[in-house]
Each structure stands twice: as structure tokens, then as C-alpha cells.
């Protein structure tokens, strides 16, 4: 009876652990976009959208803009993207870098919100960035236009 009890417990543990395993989340679609902000080619960016098998859409991006005679870099990963038909909304947090700022102020956390539309490989809309570090301009806002340079399956 002890062997039967051990086998029963072992089977129960195996069944329970198999039932509790999460399905692996995989990338189902990827799109790469190039952006121009405020109709000014010196303000630009690139973003990669990934649609995951659990239905979420994320964005990794780099945005660049001139400020204080240098190029400020804003980088974020795993931004949250919502696509509803042709409407698109993005929220993210990241770190911005200004190499010409005084020591101790060269980087700042930021949050960004983007709202617009995307259709047939073209997008447009508005953006707002809020920097957390004293002395950084906040908020900054403007418009963007974008072009999908590769991929499909996320936007219309």
C-alpha cells in the first residue's frame, strides 16, 4: 500500500504541476516605425512594436531632439500600446540623457504619452513627455508623423 500511495502522490504532483504551468508568451508580430516630430527632421525616433501571444502589445523606442546645442536621447522599453482599429495610444517610462547638462543633471526619468492613428503604414498624432529631474524642460509636447519601415500584423 505504501508504494501505491507514493505513486498516487507522485501522479498528483505531476498533474498539478502540469496544470499550473503557464503557456509561454511568444512574439506573434513585429513592426518597426520611423518618426519625425513637429515636422522637424532634427527631432526623430524609431520604435519597435511587438504583439505577444497573450494579446499585449509593447514598444521599445528611442527618440532624439536637439536641446542646449546637443542631441537629447530618450529611451524606453516595454511601453504599453493599445491599438483600436486605426487609433493608437502609447504610455511608457524611460531615461533621457543630455550630455551637456551640468554634472548630476545629465539624465532624467521621464514618462511619455502618445495618441494618434495608424493606417496603411502611416501614422500621425500628438505626444507629451514629462521629465522628473529639476532643470529639465517639462512638459514637452508636439506632433508626430510616422512611417512603418518593416513588419505587419499590429496596426492596420
C-alpha atoms as a PDB file:
ATOM      1  CA  UNK A   1       0.000   0.000   0.000  1.00  0.00           C
ATOM      2  CA  UNK A   2       2.921   2.336   0.636  1.00  0.00           C
ATOM      3  CA  UNK A   3       4.133   2.035  -2.968  1.00  0.00           C
ATOM      4  CA  UNK A   4       0.611   2.656  -4.278  1.00  0.00           C
ATOM      5  CA  UNK A   5       0.281   5.694  -2.021  1.00  0.00           C
ATOM      6  CA  UNK A   6       3.685   7.016  -3.211  1.00  0.00           C
ATOM      7  CA  UNK A   7       2.712   6.536  -6.850  1.00  0.00           C
ATOM      8  CA  UNK A   8      -0.617   8.278  -6.258  1.00  0.00           C
ATOM      9  CA  UNK A   9       1.100  11.240  -4.597  1.00  0.00           C
ATOM     10  CA  UNK A  10       3.689  11.418  -7.388  1.00  0.00           C
ATOM     11  CA  UNK A  11       0.961  11.400 -10.072  1.00  0.00           C
ATOM     12  CA  UNK A  12      -0.997  14.079  -8.230  1.00  0.00           C
ATOM     13  CA  UNK A  13       2.102  16.290  -8.012  1.00  0.00           C
ATOM     14  CA  UNK A  14       2.867  15.792 -11.720  1.00  0.00           C
ATOM     15  CA  UNK A  15      -0.717  16.561 -12.733  1.00  0.00           C
ATOM     16  CA  UNK A  16      -0.836  19.639 -10.502  1.00  0.00           C
ATOM     17  CA  UNK A  17       2.495  20.991 -11.766  1.00  0.00           C
ATOM     18  CA  UNK A  18       1.489  20.393 -15.393  1.00  0.00           C
ATOM     19  CA  UNK A  19      -1.853  22.131 -14.858  1.00  0.00           C
ATOM     20  CA  UNK A  20      -0.125  25.119 -13.221  1.00  0.00           C
ATOM     21  CA  UNK A  21       2.463  25.655 -15.962  1.00  0.00           C
ATOM     22  CA  UNK A  22       1.898  28.913 -17.761  1.00  0.00           C
ATOM     23  CA  UNK A  23       1.737  28.966 -21.514  1.00  0.00           C
ATOM     24  CA  UNK A  24       4.898  30.521 -22.901  1.00  0.00           C
ATOM     25  CA  UNK A  25       4.332  34.028 -24.238  1.00  0.00           C
ATOM     26  CA  UNK A  26       5.815  34.437 -27.716  1.00  0.00           C
ATOM     27  CA  UNK A  27       6.068  37.301 -30.201  1.00  0.00           C
ATOM     28  CA  UNK A  28       3.387  36.926 -32.880  1.00  0.00           C
ATOM     29  CA  UNK A  29       4.045  40.111 -34.888  1.00  0.00           C
ATOM     30  CA  UNK A  30       6.634  42.902 -35.073  1.00  0.00           C
ATOM     31  CA  UNK A  31       6.534  46.327 -36.688  1.00  0.00           C
ATOM     32  CA  UNK A  32       9.335  48.909 -36.914  1.00  0.00           C
ATOM     33  CA  UNK A  33       8.417  52.589 -37.283  1.00  0.00           C
ATOM     34  CA  UNK A  34      10.406  55.772 -38.027  1.00  0.00           C
ATOM     35  CA  UNK A  35       9.114  59.093 -36.658  1.00  0.00           C
ATOM     36  CA  UNK A  36       9.575  62.811 -37.257  1.00  0.00           C
ATOM     37  CA  UNK A  37       8.333  65.161 -34.531  1.00  0.00           C
ATOM     38  CA  UNK A  38       6.958  68.663 -35.043  1.00  0.00           C
ATOM     39  CA  UNK A  39       7.632  68.491 -38.783  1.00  0.00           C
ATOM     40  CA  UNK A  40      11.353  68.911 -37.961  1.00  0.00           C
ATOM     41  CA  UNK A  41      13.794  66.243 -39.168  1.00  0.00           C
ATOM     42  CA  UNK A  42      16.204  67.063 -36.299  1.00  0.00           C
ATOM     43  CA  UNK A  43      13.549  65.628 -33.927  1.00  0.00           C
ATOM     44  CA  UNK A  44      13.205  61.972 -34.812  1.00  0.00           C
ATOM     45  CA  UNK A  45      12.780  58.492 -33.445  1.00  0.00           C
ATOM     46  CA  UNK A  46      12.451  54.795 -34.076  1.00  0.00           C
ATOM     47  CA  UNK A  47      10.101  52.350 -32.393  1.00  0.00           C
ATOM     48  CA  UNK A  48       9.584  48.604 -32.457  1.00  0.00           C
ATOM     49  CA  UNK A  49       6.138  47.226 -31.636  1.00  0.00           C
ATOM     50  CA  UNK A  50       5.716  43.593 -30.595  1.00  0.00           C
ATOM     51  CA  UNK A  51       2.378  41.823 -30.364  1.00  0.00           C
ATOM     52  CA  UNK A  52       2.593  38.951 -27.892  1.00  0.00           C
ATOM     53  CA  UNK A  53       0.602  35.731 -27.829  1.00  0.00           C
ATOM     54  CA  UNK A  54      -1.157  36.879 -24.643  1.00  0.00           C
ATOM     55  CA  UNK A  55      -2.669  39.790 -26.613  1.00  0.00           C
ATOM     56  CA  UNK A  56      -0.489  42.572 -25.207  1.00  0.00           C
ATOM     57  CA  UNK A  57       1.430  44.964 -27.426  1.00  0.00           C
ATOM     58  CA  UNK A  58       4.700  46.512 -26.237  1.00  0.00           C
ATOM     59  CA  UNK A  59       7.000  49.160 -27.651  1.00  0.00           C
ATOM     60  CA  UNK A  60      10.725  49.797 -27.351  1.00  0.00           C
ATOM     61  CA  UNK A  61      11.792  53.179 -28.701  1.00  0.00           C
ATOM     62  CA  UNK A  62      14.455  55.823 -28.984  1.00  0.00           C
ATOM     63  CA  UNK A  63      13.504  59.471 -29.509  1.00  0.00           C
ATOM     64  CA  UNK A  64      16.026  62.230 -30.179  1.00  0.00           C
ATOM     65  CA  UNK A  65      15.675  66.013 -30.088  1.00  0.00           C
ATOM     66  CA  UNK A  66      18.081  68.948 -30.098  1.00  0.00           C
ATOM     67  CA  UNK A  67      18.319  70.931 -26.855  1.00  0.00           C
ATOM     68  CA  UNK A  68      21.089  73.144 -25.427  1.00  0.00           C
ATOM     69  CA  UNK A  69      23.279  72.618 -28.502  1.00  0.00           C
ATOM     70  CA  UNK A  70      23.252  68.831 -28.157  1.00  0.00           C
ATOM     71  CA  UNK A  71      21.086  65.854 -29.020  1.00  0.00           C
ATOM     72  CA  UNK A  72      18.970  64.620 -26.111  1.00  0.00           C
ATOM     73  CA  UNK A  73      18.245  60.890 -26.184  1.00  0.00           C
ATOM     74  CA  UNK A  74      15.047  59.420 -24.716  1.00  0.00           C
ATOM     75  CA  UNK A  75      14.998  55.621 -24.495  1.00  0.00           C
ATOM     76  CA  UNK A  76      12.214  53.411 -23.201  1.00  0.00           C
ATOM     77  CA  UNK A  77      11.396  49.715 -23.205  1.00  0.00           C
ATOM     78  CA  UNK A  78       8.193  47.773 -22.708  1.00  0.00           C
ATOM     79  CA  UNK A  79       5.875  50.709 -23.257  1.00  0.00           C
ATOM     80  CA  UNK A  80       2.200  49.796 -23.250  1.00  0.00           C
ATOM     81  CA  UNK A  81       0.480  50.074 -26.625  1.00  0.00           C
ATOM     82  CA  UNK A  82      -3.272  49.975 -27.255  1.00  0.00           C
ATOM     83  CA  UNK A  83      -4.491  49.631 -30.826  1.00  0.00           C
ATOM     84  CA  UNK A  84      -8.231  50.004 -31.521  1.00  0.00           C
ATOM     85  CA  UNK A  85      -8.948  49.854 -35.249  1.00  0.00           C
ATOM     86  CA  UNK A  86      -6.812  52.756 -36.554  1.00  0.00           C
ATOM     87  CA  UNK A  87      -6.389  54.526 -33.189  1.00  0.00           C
ATOM     88  CA  UNK A  88      -3.191  54.024 -31.236  1.00  0.00           C
ATOM     89  CA  UNK A  89      -2.217  55.007 -27.694  1.00  0.00           C
ATOM     90  CA  UNK A  90       1.177  54.531 -26.040  1.00  0.00           C
ATOM     91  CA  UNK A  91       2.324  55.092 -22.470  1.00  0.00           C
ATOM     92  CA  UNK A  92       5.874  54.447 -21.300  1.00  0.00           C
ATOM     93  CA  UNK A  93       8.598  55.412 -18.868  1.00  0.00           C
ATOM     94  CA  UNK A  94      12.282  55.663 -19.587  1.00  0.00           C
ATOM     95  CA  UNK A  95      15.531  57.521 -19.109  1.00  0.00           C
ATOM     96  CA  UNK A  96      16.599  60.603 -21.053  1.00  0.00           C
ATOM     97  CA  UNK A  97      20.204  61.740 -21.425  1.00  0.00           C
ATOM     98  CA  UNK A  98      21.554  65.241 -22.059  1.00  0.00           C
ATOM     99  CA  UNK A  99      25.370  65.061 -22.198  1.00  0.00           C
ATOM    100  CA  UNK A 100      25.715  68.879 -21.985  1.00  0.00           C
ATOM    101  CA  UNK A 101      23.691  69.287 -18.807  1.00  0.00           C
ATOM    102  CA  UNK A 102      25.577  70.033 -15.585  1.00  0.00           C
ATOM    103  CA  UNK A 103      27.006  67.097 -13.660  1.00  0.00           C
ATOM    104  CA  UNK A 104      24.268  65.365 -11.675  1.00  0.00           C
ATOM    105  CA  UNK A 105      21.587  66.526 -14.128  1.00  0.00           C
ATOM    106  CA  UNK A 106      22.655  64.683 -17.292  1.00  0.00           C
ATOM    107  CA  UNK A 107      19.922  62.072 -17.051  1.00  0.00           C
ATOM    108  CA  UNK A 108      16.279  62.161 -16.098  1.00  0.00           C
ATOM    109  CA  UNK A 109      13.478  59.684 -15.744  1.00  0.00           C
ATOM    110  CA  UNK A 110      10.544  60.568 -17.971  1.00  0.00           C
ATOM    111  CA  UNK A 111       7.056  59.459 -18.889  1.00  0.00           C
ATOM    112  CA  UNK A 112       5.656  59.726 -22.386  1.00  0.00           C
ATOM    113  CA  UNK A 113       2.106  59.591 -23.736  1.00  0.00           C
ATOM    114  CA  UNK A 114       1.383  59.282 -27.437  1.00  0.00           C
ATOM    115  CA  UNK A 115      -2.049  59.371 -29.082  1.00  0.00           C
ATOM    116  CA  UNK A 116      -2.773  59.141 -32.759  1.00  0.00           C
ATOM    117  CA  UNK A 117      -3.794  56.972 -35.649  1.00  0.00           C
ATOM    118  CA  UNK A 118      -2.048  54.437 -37.859  1.00  0.00           C
ATOM    119  CA  UNK A 119      -3.236  53.142 -41.217  1.00  0.00           C
ATOM    120  CA  UNK A 120      -1.578  51.712 -44.321  1.00  0.00           C
ATOM    121  CA  UNK A 121       1.928  52.157 -42.909  1.00  0.00           C
ATOM    122  CA  UNK A 122       1.495  55.817 -41.949  1.00  0.00           C
ATOM    123  CA  UNK A 123       0.747  57.356 -38.569  1.00  0.00           C
ATOM    124  CA  UNK A 124       0.245  60.762 -37.015  1.00  0.00           C
ATOM    125  CA  UNK A 125      -0.771  62.248 -33.710  1.00  0.00           C
ATOM    126  CA  UNK A 126       0.411  64.033 -30.581  1.00  0.00           C
ATOM    127  CA  UNK A 127       2.968  63.308 -27.862  1.00  0.00           C
ATOM    128  CA  UNK A 128       3.737  64.638 -24.386  1.00  0.00           C
ATOM    129  CA  UNK A 129       6.907  63.988 -22.351  1.00  0.00           C
ATOM    130  CA  UNK A 130       7.238  64.826 -18.665  1.00  0.00           C
ATOM    131  CA  UNK A 131      10.754  64.794 -17.202  1.00  0.00           C
ATOM    132  CA  UNK A 132      11.274  64.104 -13.495  1.00  0.00           C
ATOM    133  CA  UNK A 133      14.596  65.890 -12.913  1.00  0.00           C
ATOM    134  CA  UNK A 134      14.768  69.519 -11.783  1.00  0.00           C
ATOM    135  CA  UNK A 135      16.049  71.772 -14.562  1.00  0.00           C
ATOM    136  CA  UNK A 136      14.796  69.601 -17.390  1.00  0.00           C
ATOM    137  CA  UNK A 137      12.045  71.143 -19.554  1.00  0.00           C
ATOM    138  CA  UNK A 138       8.671  69.732 -18.642  1.00  0.00           C
ATOM    139  CA  UNK A 139       6.268  69.090 -20.130  1.00  0.00           C
ATOM    140  CA  UNK A 140       7.293  68.987 -23.759  1.00  0.00           C
ATOM    141  CA  UNK A 141       4.600  68.281 -26.313  1.00  0.00           C
ATOM    142  CA  UNK A 142       4.095  68.258 -30.012  1.00  0.00           C
ATOM    143  CA  UNK A 143       3.021  66.319 -33.063  1.00  0.00           C
ATOM    144  CA  UNK A 144       4.490  63.406 -34.981  1.00  0.00           C
ATOM    145  CA  UNK A 145       4.258  61.643 -38.306  1.00  0.00           C
ATOM    146  CA  UNK A 146       5.465  58.094 -38.751  1.00  0.00           C
ATOM    147  CA  UNK A 147       6.210  55.515 -41.406  1.00  0.00           C
ATOM    148  CA  UNK A 148       6.247  51.770 -40.902  1.00  0.00           C
ATOM    149  CA  UNK A 149       9.575  50.561 -42.305  1.00  0.00           C
ATOM    150  CA  UNK A 150       9.109  46.828 -41.720  1.00  0.00           C
ATOM    151  CA  UNK A 151       6.753  44.234 -40.305  1.00  0.00           C
ATOM    152  CA  UNK A 152       2.977  43.897 -40.111  1.00  0.00           C
ATOM    153  CA  UNK A 153       0.187  42.400 -38.054  1.00  0.00           C
ATOM    154  CA  UNK A 154      -0.252  45.054 -35.368  1.00  0.00           C
ATOM    155  CA  UNK A 155      -1.569  48.245 -36.976  1.00  0.00           C
ATOM    156  CA  UNK A 156      -3.973  48.430 -39.918  1.00  0.00           C
END
